Amino acid sequence: MVPVSGVERISDVGAWAVLSLFGDIDVHVVARVREAVDELVCDGRVHLVWDLEGVSFMDSAGLGVLVYTMRSVEAREGSVRLAGPDQQVRRLLELTGLDAVVECHPDVASAAGRTAR
């Protein structure tokens, strides 16, 4: 059975490690996201792109793991960028003020090296 929600490490783009998230990013998925982030950080990969093009929903648990990711990589002089967030995710970022501290890009290619949109 193919999972309907989750996280998968995909090919790096330059200096950026890319995590592809898909489905609902909620309490049922955040432990897997945290594990993937911890593994990357332990390997010294502290510039991360979250590919959200396949995300259909994110709740406060998803925001919590995003903040965890940001703190983990920023403590090591890294950063996080979001690629392809839909309107629901963008609205959630706006409501919480996170839109002011995390860069959003239309796709992975632009997140991995171009300016914020």
PDB file of N, CA and C in Angstrom:
ATOM      1  N   MET A   1       0.845  -1.191   0.000  1.00  0.00           N
ATOM      2  CA  MET A   1       0.000   0.000   0.000  1.00  0.00           C
ATOM      3  C   MET A   1       0.884   1.247   0.000  1.00  0.00           C
ATOM      4  N   VAL A   2       0.625   2.148  -0.895  1.00  0.00           N
ATOM      5  CA  VAL A   2       1.373   3.395  -1.007  1.00  0.00           C
ATOM      6  C   VAL A   2       0.826   4.386   0.025  1.00  0.00           C
ATOM      7  N   PRO A   3       1.716   5.009   0.829  1.00  0.00           N
ATOM      8  CA  PRO A   3       1.215   5.976   1.813  1.00  0.00           C
ATOM      9  C   PRO A   3       0.608   7.193   1.132  1.00  0.00           C
ATOM     10  N   VAL A   4      -0.447   7.738   1.746  1.00  0.00           N
ATOM     11  CA  VAL A   4      -1.110   8.904   1.178  1.00  0.00           C
ATOM     12  C   VAL A   4      -0.513  10.211   1.689  1.00  0.00           C
ATOM     13  N   SER A   5       0.267  10.124   2.750  1.00  0.00           N
ATOM     14  CA  SER A   5       0.948  11.292   3.301  1.00  0.00           C
ATOM     15  C   SER A   5       2.339  10.866   3.731  1.00  0.00           C
ATOM     16  N   GLY A   6       3.301  11.795   3.618  1.00  0.00           N
ATOM     17  CA  GLY A   6       4.637  11.443   4.059  1.00  0.00           C
ATOM     18  C   GLY A   6       5.691  12.411   3.602  1.00  0.00           C
ATOM     19  N   VAL A   7       6.924  11.933   3.709  1.00  0.00           N
ATOM     20  CA  VAL A   7       8.093  12.723   3.331  1.00  0.00           C
ATOM     21  C   VAL A   7       9.081  11.786   2.650  1.00  0.00           C
ATOM     22  N   GLU A   8       9.755  12.313   1.638  1.00  0.00           N
ATOM     23  CA  GLU A   8      10.738  11.532   0.897  1.00  0.00           C
ATOM     24  C   GLU A   8      11.896  12.440   0.530  1.00  0.00           C
ATOM     25  N   ARG A   9      13.097  11.937   0.704  1.00  0.00           N
ATOM     26  CA  ARG A   9      14.282  12.689   0.290  1.00  0.00           C
ATOM     27  C   ARG A   9      14.452  12.495  -1.205  1.00  0.00           C
ATOM     28  N   ILE A  10      14.539  13.602  -1.922  1.00  0.00           N
ATOM     29  CA  ILE A  10      14.773  13.500  -3.359  1.00  0.00           C
ATOM     30  C   ILE A  10      16.133  14.111  -3.678  1.00  0.00           C
ATOM     31  N   SER A  11      16.522  14.088  -4.904  1.00  0.00           N
ATOM     32  CA  SER A  11      17.847  14.545  -5.314  1.00  0.00           C
ATOM     33  C   SER A  11      18.120  15.974  -4.865  1.00  0.00           C
ATOM     34  N   ASP A  12      19.348  16.199  -4.442  1.00  0.00           N
ATOM     35  CA  ASP A  12      19.774  17.540  -4.071  1.00  0.00           C
ATOM     36  C   ASP A  12      19.799  18.432  -5.311  1.00  0.00           C
ATOM     37  N   VAL A  13      19.626  19.719  -5.065  1.00  0.00           N
ATOM     38  CA  VAL A  13      19.760  20.715  -6.125  1.00  0.00           C
ATOM     39  C   VAL A  13      20.846  21.675  -5.652  1.00  0.00           C
ATOM     40  N   GLY A  14      22.034  21.510  -6.207  1.00  0.00           N
ATOM     41  CA  GLY A  14      23.173  22.312  -5.759  1.00  0.00           C
ATOM     42  C   GLY A  14      23.464  22.037  -4.296  1.00  0.00           C
ATOM     43  N   ALA A  15      23.583  23.091  -3.516  1.00  0.00           N
ATOM     44  CA  ALA A  15      23.878  22.960  -2.088  1.00  0.00           C
ATOM     45  C   ALA A  15      22.639  22.633  -1.260  1.00  0.00           C
ATOM     46  N   TRP A  16      21.493  22.552  -1.894  1.00  0.00           N
ATOM     47  CA  TRP A  16      20.222  22.380  -1.182  1.00  0.00           C
ATOM     48  C   TRP A  16      19.769  20.929  -1.182  1.00  0.00           C
ATOM     49  N   ALA A  17      19.506  20.404   0.017  1.00  0.00           N
ATOM     50  CA  ALA A  17      18.890  19.086   0.159  1.00  0.00           C
ATOM     51  C   ALA A  17      17.385  19.286   0.045  1.00  0.00           C
ATOM     52  N   VAL A  18      16.725  18.406  -0.702  1.00  0.00           N
ATOM     53  CA  VAL A  18      15.297  18.579  -0.963  1.00  0.00           C
ATOM     54  C   VAL A  18      14.502  17.461  -0.304  1.00  0.00           C
ATOM     55  N   LEU A  19      13.531  17.868   0.511  1.00  0.00           N
ATOM     56  CA  LEU A  19      12.571  16.938   1.093  1.00  0.00           C
ATOM     57  C   LEU A  19      11.234  17.166   0.414  1.00  0.00           C
ATOM     58  N   SER A  20      10.693  16.125  -0.187  1.00  0.00           N
ATOM     59  CA  SER A  20       9.383  16.203  -0.824  1.00  0.00           C
ATOM     60  C   SER A  20       8.336  15.724   0.173  1.00  0.00           C
ATOM     61  N   LEU A  21       7.440  16.630   0.554  1.00  0.00           N
ATOM     62  CA  LEU A  21       6.344  16.286   1.448  1.00  0.00           C
ATOM     63  C   LEU A  21       5.089  16.132   0.602  1.00  0.00           C
ATOM     64  N   PHE A  22       4.214  15.215   1.014  1.00  0.00           N
ATOM     65  CA  PHE A  22       3.009  14.997   0.228  1.00  0.00           C
ATOM     66  C   PHE A  22       1.849  14.579   1.119  1.00  0.00           C
ATOM     67  N   GLY A  23       0.654  14.887   0.622  1.00  0.00           N
ATOM     68  CA  GLY A  23      -0.561  14.562   1.364  1.00  0.00           C
ATOM     69  C   GLY A  23      -0.817  15.554   2.478  1.00  0.00           C
ATOM     70  N   ASP A  24      -1.371  15.051   3.579  1.00  0.00           N
ATOM     71  CA  ASP A  24      -1.665  15.880   4.744  1.00  0.00           C
ATOM     72  C   ASP A  24      -0.470  15.905   5.680  1.00  0.00           C
ATOM     73  N   ILE A  25       0.032  17.082   5.993  1.00  0.00           N
ATOM     74  CA  ILE A  25       1.140  17.212   6.937  1.00  0.00           C
ATOM     75  C   ILE A  25       0.513  17.561   8.287  1.00  0.00           C
ATOM     76  N   ASP A  26       0.289  16.504   9.056  1.00  0.00           N
ATOM     77  CA  ASP A  26      -0.393  16.626  10.335  1.00  0.00           C
ATOM     78  C   ASP A  26       0.306  15.753  11.370  1.00  0.00           C
ATOM     79  N   VAL A  27      -0.345  15.548  12.494  1.00  0.00           N
ATOM     80  CA  VAL A  27       0.250  14.814  13.607  1.00  0.00           C
ATOM     81  C   VAL A  27       0.698  13.406  13.212  1.00  0.00           C
ATOM     82  N   HIS A  28       0.094  12.821  12.200  1.00  0.00           N
ATOM     83  CA  HIS A  28       0.426  11.464  11.778  1.00  0.00           C
ATOM     84  C   HIS A  28       1.712  11.386  10.957  1.00  0.00           C
ATOM     85  N   VAL A  29       2.203  12.519  10.480  1.00  0.00           N
ATOM     86  CA  VAL A  29       3.352  12.538   9.574  1.00  0.00           C
ATOM     87  C   VAL A  29       4.572  13.241  10.173  1.00  0.00           C
ATOM     88  N   VAL A  30       4.354  14.120  11.140  1.00  0.00           N
ATOM     89  CA  VAL A  30       5.451  14.984  11.582  1.00  0.00           C
ATOM     90  C   VAL A  30       6.633  14.220  12.172  1.00  0.00           C
ATOM     91  N   ALA A  31       6.417  13.070  12.782  1.00  0.00           N
ATOM     92  CA  ALA A  31       7.551  12.302  13.315  1.00  0.00           C
ATOM     93  C   ALA A  31       8.477  11.873  12.189  1.00  0.00           C
ATOM     94  N   ARG A  32       7.905  11.481  11.043  1.00  0.00           N
ATOM     95  CA  ARG A  32       8.729  11.082   9.892  1.00  0.00           C
ATOM     96  C   ARG A  32       9.475  12.277   9.307  1.00  0.00           C
ATOM     97  N   VAL A  33       8.823  13.438   9.294  1.00  0.00           N
ATOM     98  CA  VAL A  33       9.491  14.646   8.794  1.00  0.00           C
ATOM     99  C   VAL A  33      10.648  15.000   9.716  1.00  0.00           C
ATOM    100  N   ARG A  34      10.413  14.966  11.019  1.00  0.00           N
ATOM    101  CA  ARG A  34      11.453  15.282  11.996  1.00  0.00           C
ATOM    102  C   ARG A  34      12.639  14.333  11.850  1.00  0.00           C
ATOM    103  N   GLU A  35      12.373  13.044  11.676  1.00  0.00           N
ATOM    104  CA  GLU A  35      13.451  12.067  11.482  1.00  0.00           C
ATOM    105  C   GLU A  35      14.270  12.388  10.236  1.00  0.00           C
ATOM    106  N   ALA A  36      13.596  12.735   9.158  1.00  0.00           N
ATOM    107  CA  ALA A  36      14.297  13.070   7.914  1.00  0.00           C
ATOM    108  C   ALA A  36      15.163  14.313   8.100  1.00  0.00           C
ATOM    109  N   VAL A  37      14.629  15.315   8.792  1.00  0.00           N
ATOM    110  CA  VAL A  37      15.390  16.541   9.064  1.00  0.00           C
ATOM    111  C   VAL A  37      16.597  16.224   9.941  1.00  0.00           C
ATOM    112  N   ASP A  38      16.387  15.470  11.004  1.00  0.00           N
ATOM    113  CA  ASP A  38      17.492  15.123  11.906  1.00  0.00           C
ATOM    114  C   ASP A  38      18.602  14.387  11.172  1.00  0.00           C
ATOM    115  N   GLU A  39      18.220  13.475  10.288  1.00  0.00           N
ATOM    116  CA  GLU A  39      19.207  12.720   9.517  1.00  0.00           C
ATOM    117  C   GLU A  39      20.028  13.646   8.625  1.00  0.00           C
ATOM    118  N   LEU A  40      19.358  14.571   7.950  1.00  0.00           N
ATOM    119  CA  LEU A  40      20.065  15.516   7.086  1.00  0.00           C
ATOM    120  C   LEU A  40      21.007  16.408   7.893  1.00  0.00           C
ATOM    121  N   VAL A  41      20.522  16.938   8.998  1.00  0.00           N
ATOM    122  CA  VAL A  41      21.338  17.827   9.830  1.00  0.00           C
ATOM    123  C   VAL A  41      22.544  17.078  10.377  1.00  0.00           C
ATOM    124  N   CYS A  42      22.352  15.834  10.802  1.00  0.00           N
ATOM    125  CA  CYS A  42      23.482  15.026  11.294  1.00  0.00           C
ATOM    126  C   CYS A  42      24.525  14.795  10.205  1.00  0.00           C
ATOM    127  N   ASP A  43      24.063  14.754   8.955  1.00  0.00           N
ATOM    128  CA  ASP A  43      24.980  14.595   7.817  1.00  0.00           C
ATOM    129  C   ASP A  43      25.583  15.917   7.360  1.00  0.00           C
ATOM    130  N   GLY A  44      25.256  17.010   8.077  1.00  0.00           N
ATOM    131  CA  GLY A  44      25.810  18.314   7.725  1.00  0.00           C
ATOM    132  C   GLY A  44      25.030  19.046   6.653  1.00  0.00           C
ATOM    133  N   ARG A  45      23.874  18.541   6.272  1.00  0.00           N
ATOM    134  CA  ARG A  45      23.030  19.190   5.257  1.00  0.00           C
ATOM    135  C   ARG A  45      22.104  20.155   5.975  1.00  0.00           C
ATOM    136  N   VAL A  46      22.429  21.438   5.931  1.00  0.00           N
ATOM    137  CA  VAL A  46      21.671  22.435   6.693  1.00  0.00           C
ATOM    138  C   VAL A  46      20.995  23.484   5.810  1.00  0.00           C
ATOM    139  N   HIS A  47      21.043  23.304   4.515  1.00  0.00           N
ATOM    140  CA  HIS A  47      20.285  24.144   3.584  1.00  0.00           C
ATOM    141  C   HIS A  47      19.228  23.234   2.969  1.00  0.00           C
ATOM    142  N   LEU A  48      17.973  23.421   3.419  1.00  0.00           N
ATOM    143  CA  LEU A  48      16.902  22.504   3.053  1.00  0.00           C
ATOM    144  C   LEU A  48      15.798  23.208   2.277  1.00  0.00           C
ATOM    145  N   VAL A  49      15.288  22.506   1.290  1.00  0.00           N
ATOM    146  CA  VAL A  49      14.077  22.927   0.582  1.00  0.00           C
ATOM    147  C   VAL A  49      13.002  21.911   0.917  1.00  0.00           C
ATOM    148  N   TRP A  50      11.881  22.413   1.393  1.00  0.00           N
ATOM    149  CA  TRP A  50      10.700  21.575   1.555  1.00  0.00           C
ATOM    150  C   TRP A  50       9.878  21.716   0.291  1.00  0.00           C
ATOM    151  N   ASP A  51       9.772  20.661  -0.491  1.00  0.00           N
ATOM    152  CA  ASP A  51       8.940  20.667  -1.689  1.00  0.00           C
ATOM    153  C   ASP A  51       7.513  20.348  -1.253  1.00  0.00           C
ATOM    154  N   LEU A  52       6.641  21.347  -1.316  1.00  0.00           N
ATOM    155  CA  LEU A  52       5.263  21.211  -0.849  1.00  0.00           C
ATOM    156  C   LEU A  52       4.252  21.078  -1.980  1.00  0.00           C
ATOM    157  N   GLU A  53       4.718  20.877  -3.189  1.00  0.00           N
ATOM    158  CA  GLU A  53       3.792  20.821  -4.318  1.00  0.00           C
ATOM    159  C   GLU A  53       2.768  19.709  -4.182  1.00  0.00           C
ATOM    160  N   GLY A  54       3.093  18.637  -3.464  1.00  0.00           N
ATOM    161  CA  GLY A  54       2.164  17.526  -3.277  1.00  0.00           C
ATOM    162  C   GLY A  54       1.385  17.581  -1.978  1.00  0.00           C
ATOM    163  N   VAL A  55       1.519  18.681  -1.235  1.00  0.00           N
ATOM    164  CA  VAL A  55       0.830  18.806   0.053  1.00  0.00           C
ATOM    165  C   VAL A  55      -0.584  19.338  -0.170  1.00  0.00           C
ATOM    166  N   SER A  56      -1.552  18.616   0.361  1.00  0.00           N
ATOM    167  CA  SER A  56      -2.950  19.024   0.222  1.00  0.00           C
ATOM    168  C   SER A  56      -3.478  19.723   1.466  1.00  0.00           C
ATOM    169  N   PHE A  57      -2.784  19.557   2.608  1.00  0.00           N
ATOM    170  CA  PHE A  57      -3.247  20.150   3.864  1.00  0.00           C
ATOM    171  C   PHE A  57      -2.086  20.178   4.851  1.00  0.00           C
ATOM    172  N   MET A  58      -2.014  21.256   5.644  1.00  0.00           N
ATOM    173  CA  MET A  58      -1.049  21.329   6.739  1.00  0.00           C
ATOM    174  C   MET A  58      -1.751  21.951   7.931  1.00  0.00           C
ATOM    175  N   ASP A  59      -1.499  21.384   9.121  1.00  0.00           N
ATOM    176  CA  ASP A  59      -2.100  21.934  10.331  1.00  0.00           C
ATOM    177  C   ASP A  59      -1.011  22.429  11.277  1.00  0.00           C
ATOM    178  N   SER A  60      -1.388  22.688  12.526  1.00  0.00           N
ATOM    179  CA  SER A  60      -0.433  23.236  13.492  1.00  0.00           C
ATOM    180  C   SER A  60       0.722  22.278  13.771  1.00  0.00           C
ATOM    181  N   ALA A  61       0.493  20.984  13.673  1.00  0.00           N
ATOM    182  CA  ALA A  61       1.590  20.033  13.847  1.00  0.00           C
ATOM    183  C   ALA A  61       2.614  20.194  12.725  1.00  0.00           C
ATOM    184  N   GLY A  62       2.129  20.430  11.515  1.00  0.00           N
ATOM    185  CA  GLY A  62       3.024  20.685  10.389  1.00  0.00           C
ATOM    186  C   GLY A  62       3.815  21.963  10.585  1.00  0.00           C
ATOM    187  N   LEU A  63       3.139  23.000  11.092  1.00  0.00           N
ATOM    188  CA  LEU A  63       3.846  24.249  11.398  1.00  0.00           C
ATOM    189  C   LEU A  63       4.896  24.023  12.476  1.00  0.00           C
ATOM    190  N   GLY A  64       4.558  23.206  13.459  1.00  0.00           N
ATOM    191  CA  GLY A  64       5.513  22.915  14.531  1.00  0.00           C
ATOM    192  C   GLY A  64       6.774  22.258  14.008  1.00  0.00           C
ATOM    193  N   VAL A  65       6.644  21.306  13.102  1.00  0.00           N
ATOM    194  CA  VAL A  65       7.830  20.646  12.561  1.00  0.00           C
ATOM    195  C   VAL A  65       8.586  21.574  11.611  1.00  0.00           C
ATOM    196  N   LEU A  66       7.888  22.516  10.988  1.00  0.00           N
ATOM    197  CA  LEU A  66       8.581  23.528  10.188  1.00  0.00           C
ATOM    198  C   LEU A  66       9.441  24.409  11.096  1.00  0.00           C
ATOM    199  N   VAL A  67       8.890  24.860  12.204  1.00  0.00           N
ATOM    200  CA  VAL A  67       9.661  25.676  13.157  1.00  0.00           C
ATOM    201  C   VAL A  67      10.830  24.865  13.716  1.00  0.00           C
ATOM    202  N   TYR A  68      10.600  23.601  14.033  1.00  0.00           N
ATOM    203  CA  TYR A  68      11.679  22.715  14.501  1.00  0.00           C
ATOM    204  C   TYR A  68      12.796  22.649  13.457  1.00  0.00           C
ATOM    205  N   THR A  69      12.407  22.494  12.197  1.00  0.00           N
ATOM    206  CA  THR A  69      13.383  22.424  11.110  1.00  0.00           C
ATOM    207  C   THR A  69      14.172  23.720  11.007  1.00  0.00           C
ATOM    208  N   MET A  70      13.460  24.834  11.062  1.00  0.00           N
ATOM    209  CA  MET A  70      14.121  26.131  10.969  1.00  0.00           C
ATOM    210  C   MET A  70      15.131  26.309  12.095  1.00  0.00           C
ATOM    211  N   ARG A  71      14.743  25.992  13.315  1.00  0.00           N
ATOM    212  CA  ARG A  71      15.657  26.131  14.457  1.00  0.00           C
ATOM    213  C   ARG A  71      16.856  25.199  14.348  1.00  0.00           C
ATOM    214  N   SER A  72      16.609  23.976  13.893  1.00  0.00           N
ATOM    215  CA  SER A  72      17.693  22.997  13.764  1.00  0.00           C
ATOM    216  C   SER A  72      18.754  23.448  12.782  1.00  0.00           C
ATOM    217  N   VAL A  73      18.327  23.935  11.620  1.00  0.00           N
ATOM    218  CA  VAL A  73      19.308  24.318  10.610  1.00  0.00           C
ATOM    219  C   VAL A  73      19.906  25.691  10.879  1.00  0.00           C
ATOM    220  N   GLU A  74      19.116  26.617  11.401  1.00  0.00           N
ATOM    221  CA  GLU A  74      19.647  27.953  11.697  1.00  0.00           C
ATOM    222  C   GLU A  74      20.687  27.908  12.811  1.00  0.00           C
ATOM    223  N   ALA A  75      20.578  26.951  13.724  1.00  0.00           N
ATOM    224  CA  ALA A  75      21.589  26.785  14.770  1.00  0.00           C
ATOM    225  C   ALA A  75      22.935  26.384  14.181  1.00  0.00           C
ATOM    226  N   ARG A  76      22.916  25.891  12.954  1.00  0.00           N
ATOM    227  CA  ARG A  76      24.134  25.477  12.248  1.00  0.00           C
ATOM    228  C   ARG A  76      24.387  26.349  11.023  1.00  0.00           C
ATOM    229  N   GLU A  77      23.836  27.583  11.067  1.00  0.00           N
ATOM    230  CA  GLU A  77      23.996  28.577  10.010  1.00  0.00           C
ATOM    231  C   GLU A  77      23.415  28.137   8.677  1.00  0.00           C
ATOM    232  N   GLY A  78      22.332  27.364   8.728  1.00  0.00           N
ATOM    233  CA  GLY A  78      21.638  26.926   7.530  1.00  0.00           C
ATOM    234  C   GLY A  78      20.335  27.679   7.364  1.00  0.00           C
ATOM    235  N   SER A  79      19.506  27.194   6.442  1.00  0.00           N
ATOM    236  CA  SER A  79      18.212  27.830   6.201  1.00  0.00           C
ATOM    237  C   SER A  79      17.247  26.845   5.560  1.00  0.00           C
ATOM    238  N   VAL A  80      15.975  27.230   5.593  1.00  0.00           N
ATOM    239  CA  VAL A  80      14.897  26.439   4.997  1.00  0.00           C
ATOM    240  C   VAL A  80      14.156  27.326   4.012  1.00  0.00           C
ATOM    241  N   ARG A  81      13.806  26.765   2.883  1.00  0.00           N
ATOM    242  CA  ARG A  81      12.959  27.438   1.906  1.00  0.00           C
ATOM    243  C   ARG A  81      11.820  26.499   1.536  1.00  0.00           C
ATOM    244  N   LEU A  82      10.669  27.072   1.240  1.00  0.00           N
ATOM    245  CA  LEU A  82       9.506  26.292   0.838  1.00  0.00           C
ATOM    246  C   LEU A  82       9.289  26.437  -0.654  1.00  0.00           C
ATOM    247  N   ALA A  83       8.982  25.322  -1.301  1.00  0.00           N
ATOM    248  CA  ALA A  83       8.720  25.321  -2.740  1.00  0.00           C
ATOM    249  C   ALA A  83       7.293  24.845  -2.998  1.00  0.00           C
ATOM    250  N   GLY A  84       6.537  25.642  -3.740  1.00  0.00           N
ATOM    251  CA  GLY A  84       5.218  25.244  -4.190  1.00  0.00           C
ATOM    252  C   GLY A  84       4.128  25.136  -3.147  1.00  0.00           C
ATOM    253  N   PRO A  85       4.142  25.972  -2.095  1.00  0.00           N
ATOM    254  CA  PRO A  85       3.040  25.868  -1.136  1.00  0.00           C
ATOM    255  C   PRO A  85       1.723  26.316  -1.766  1.00  0.00           C
ATOM    256  N   ASP A  86       0.650  25.572  -1.481  1.00  0.00           N
ATOM    257  CA  ASP A  86      -0.653  25.961  -2.024  1.00  0.00           C
ATOM    258  C   ASP A  86      -1.269  27.086  -1.191  1.00  0.00           C
ATOM    259  N   GLN A  87      -2.450  27.506  -1.574  1.00  0.00           N
ATOM    260  CA  GLN A  87      -3.102  28.638  -0.917  1.00  0.00           C
ATOM    261  C   GLN A  87      -3.374  28.370   0.555  1.00  0.00           C
ATOM    262  N   GLN A  88      -3.761  27.151   0.921  1.00  0.00           N
ATOM    263  CA  GLN A  88      -4.045  26.823   2.319  1.00  0.00           C
ATOM    264  C   GLN A  88      -2.790  26.960   3.166  1.00  0.00           C
ATOM    265  N   VAL A  89      -1.675  26.449   2.673  1.00  0.00           N
ATOM    266  CA  VAL A  89      -0.416  26.536   3.414  1.00  0.00           C
ATOM    267  C   VAL A  89       0.034  27.988   3.508  1.00  0.00           C
ATOM    268  N   ARG A  90      -0.056  28.727   2.426  1.00  0.00           N
ATOM    269  CA  ARG A  90       0.316  30.148   2.449  1.00  0.00           C
ATOM    270  C   ARG A  90      -0.526  30.923   3.467  1.00  0.00           C
ATOM    271  N   ARG A  91      -1.813  30.637   3.510  1.00  0.00           N
ATOM    272  CA  ARG A  91      -2.701  31.317   4.460  1.00  0.00           C
ATOM    273  C   ARG A  91      -2.303  30.983   5.891  1.00  0.00           C
ATOM    274  N   LEU A  92      -1.968  29.737   6.150  1.00  0.00           N
ATOM    275  CA  LEU A  92      -1.520  29.316   7.479  1.00  0.00           C
ATOM    276  C   LEU A  92      -0.233  30.042   7.872  1.00  0.00           C
ATOM    277  N   LEU A  93       0.686  30.172   6.935  1.00  0.00           N
ATOM    278  CA  LEU A  93       1.923  30.905   7.195  1.00  0.00           C
ATOM    279  C   LEU A  93       1.630  32.371   7.505  1.00  0.00           C
ATOM    280  N   GLU A  94       0.709  32.970   6.759  1.00  0.00           N
ATOM    281  CA  GLU A  94       0.334  34.370   6.993  1.00  0.00           C
ATOM    282  C   GLU A  94      -0.306  34.554   8.372  1.00  0.00           C
ATOM    283  N   LEU A  95      -1.223  33.661   8.726  1.00  0.00           N
ATOM    284  CA  LEU A  95      -1.924  33.776  10.007  1.00  0.00           C
ATOM    285  C   LEU A  95      -0.983  33.681  11.205  1.00  0.00           C
ATOM    286  N   THR A  96       0.090  32.921  11.048  1.00  0.00           N
ATOM    287  CA  THR A  96       1.032  32.719  12.146  1.00  0.00           C
ATOM    288  C   THR A  96       2.242  33.652  12.086  1.00  0.00           C
ATOM    289  N   GLY A  97       2.355  34.413  11.012  1.00  0.00           N
ATOM    290  CA  GLY A  97       3.491  35.310  10.863  1.00  0.00           C
ATOM    291  C   GLY A  97       4.742  34.637  10.319  1.00  0.00           C
ATOM    292  N   LEU A  98       4.671  33.346  10.046  1.00  0.00           N
ATOM    293  CA  LEU A  98       5.842  32.642   9.517  1.00  0.00           C
ATOM    294  C   LEU A  98       6.173  33.060   8.088  1.00  0.00           C
ATOM    295  N   ASP A  99       5.213  33.648   7.394  1.00  0.00           N
ATOM    296  CA  ASP A  99       5.495  34.115   6.032  1.00  0.00           C
ATOM    297  C   ASP A  99       6.573  35.191   6.015  1.00  0.00           C
ATOM    298  N   ALA A 100       6.780  35.843   7.165  1.00  0.00           N
ATOM    299  CA  ALA A 100       7.804  36.889   7.251  1.00  0.00           C
ATOM    300  C   ALA A 100       9.198  36.321   7.511  1.00  0.00           C
ATOM    301  N   VAL A 101       9.291  35.036   7.879  1.00  0.00           N
ATOM    302  CA  VAL A 101      10.597  34.487   8.236  1.00  0.00           C
ATOM    303  C   VAL A 101      11.031  33.293   7.386  1.00  0.00           C
ATOM    304  N   VAL A 102      10.153  32.778   6.555  1.00  0.00           N
ATOM    305  CA  VAL A 102      10.542  31.667   5.682  1.00  0.00           C
ATOM    306  C   VAL A 102      10.235  32.067   4.238  1.00  0.00           C
ATOM    307  N   GLU A 103      11.191  31.801   3.366  1.00  0.00           N
ATOM    308  CA  GLU A 103      11.026  32.140   1.949  1.00  0.00           C
ATOM    309  C   GLU A 103      10.145  31.113   1.259  1.00  0.00           C
ATOM    310  N   CYS A 104       9.210  31.604   0.448  1.00  0.00           N
ATOM    311  CA  CYS A 104       8.362  30.740  -0.365  1.00  0.00           C
ATOM    312  C   CYS A 104       8.692  30.978  -1.838  1.00  0.00           C
ATOM    313  N   HIS A 105       8.770  29.899  -2.578  1.00  0.00           N
ATOM    314  CA  HIS A 105       9.102  29.938  -4.002  1.00  0.00           C
ATOM    315  C   HIS A 105       8.099  29.103  -4.773  1.00  0.00           C
ATOM    316  N   PRO A 106       7.939  29.369  -6.051  1.00  0.00           N
ATOM    317  CA  PRO A 106       6.960  28.617  -6.834  1.00  0.00           C
ATOM    318  C   PRO A 106       7.335  27.161  -7.073  1.00  0.00           C
ATOM    319  N   ASP A 107       8.645  26.847  -7.079  1.00  0.00           N
ATOM    320  CA  ASP A 107       9.074  25.482  -7.348  1.00  0.00           C
ATOM    321  C   ASP A 107      10.460  25.246  -6.754  1.00  0.00           C
ATOM    322  N   VAL A 108      10.900  23.995  -6.804  1.00  0.00           N
ATOM    323  CA  VAL A 108      12.182  23.606  -6.207  1.00  0.00           C
ATOM    324  C   VAL A 108      13.346  24.316  -6.890  1.00  0.00           C
ATOM    325  N   ALA A 109      13.314  24.423  -8.205  1.00  0.00           N
ATOM    326  CA  ALA A 109      14.427  25.056  -8.918  1.00  0.00           C
ATOM    327  C   ALA A 109      14.651  26.479  -8.446  1.00  0.00           C
ATOM    328  N   SER A 110      13.580  27.242  -8.289  1.00  0.00           N
ATOM    329  CA  SER A 110      13.751  28.632  -7.842  1.00  0.00           C
ATOM    330  C   SER A 110      14.111  28.699  -6.366  1.00  0.00           C
ATOM    331  N   ALA A 111      13.616  27.771  -5.568  1.00  0.00           N
ATOM    332  CA  ALA A 111      13.958  27.756  -4.140  1.00  0.00           C
ATOM    333  C   ALA A 111      15.426  27.432  -3.912  1.00  0.00           C
ATOM    334  N   ALA A 112      16.002  26.683  -4.818  1.00  0.00           N
ATOM    335  CA  ALA A 112      17.375  26.233  -4.638  1.00  0.00           C
ATOM    336  C   ALA A 112      18.411  27.190  -5.203  1.00  0.00           C
ATOM    337  N   GLY A 113      18.044  28.445  -5.352  1.00  0.00           N
ATOM    338  CA  GLY A 113      19.091  29.345  -5.790  1.00  0.00           C
ATOM    339  C   GLY A 113      18.670  30.688  -6.292  1.00  0.00           C
ATOM    340  N   ARG A 114      17.418  30.916  -6.467  1.00  0.00           N
ATOM    341  CA  ARG A 114      16.988  32.205  -6.973  1.00  0.00           C
ATOM    342  C   ARG A 114      16.386  33.047  -5.854  1.00  0.00           C
ATOM    343  N   THR A 115      15.895  34.183  -6.193  1.00  0.00           N
ATOM    344  CA  THR A 115      15.318  35.090  -5.190  1.00  0.00           C
ATOM    345  C   THR A 115      13.910  34.670  -4.814  1.00  0.00           C
ATOM    346  N   ALA A 116      13.460  35.117  -3.648  1.00  0.00           N
ATOM    347  CA  ALA A 116      12.126  34.789  -3.163  1.00  0.00           C
ATOM    348  C   ALA A 116      11.076  35.478  -4.009  1.00  0.00           C
ATOM    349  N   ARG A 117       9.926  34.860  -4.077  1.00  0.00           N
ATOM    350  CA  ARG A 117       8.804  35.429  -4.808  1.00  0.00           C
ATOM    351  C   ARG A 117       7.945  36.237  -3.880  1.00  0.00           C
TER     352      ARG A 117
END
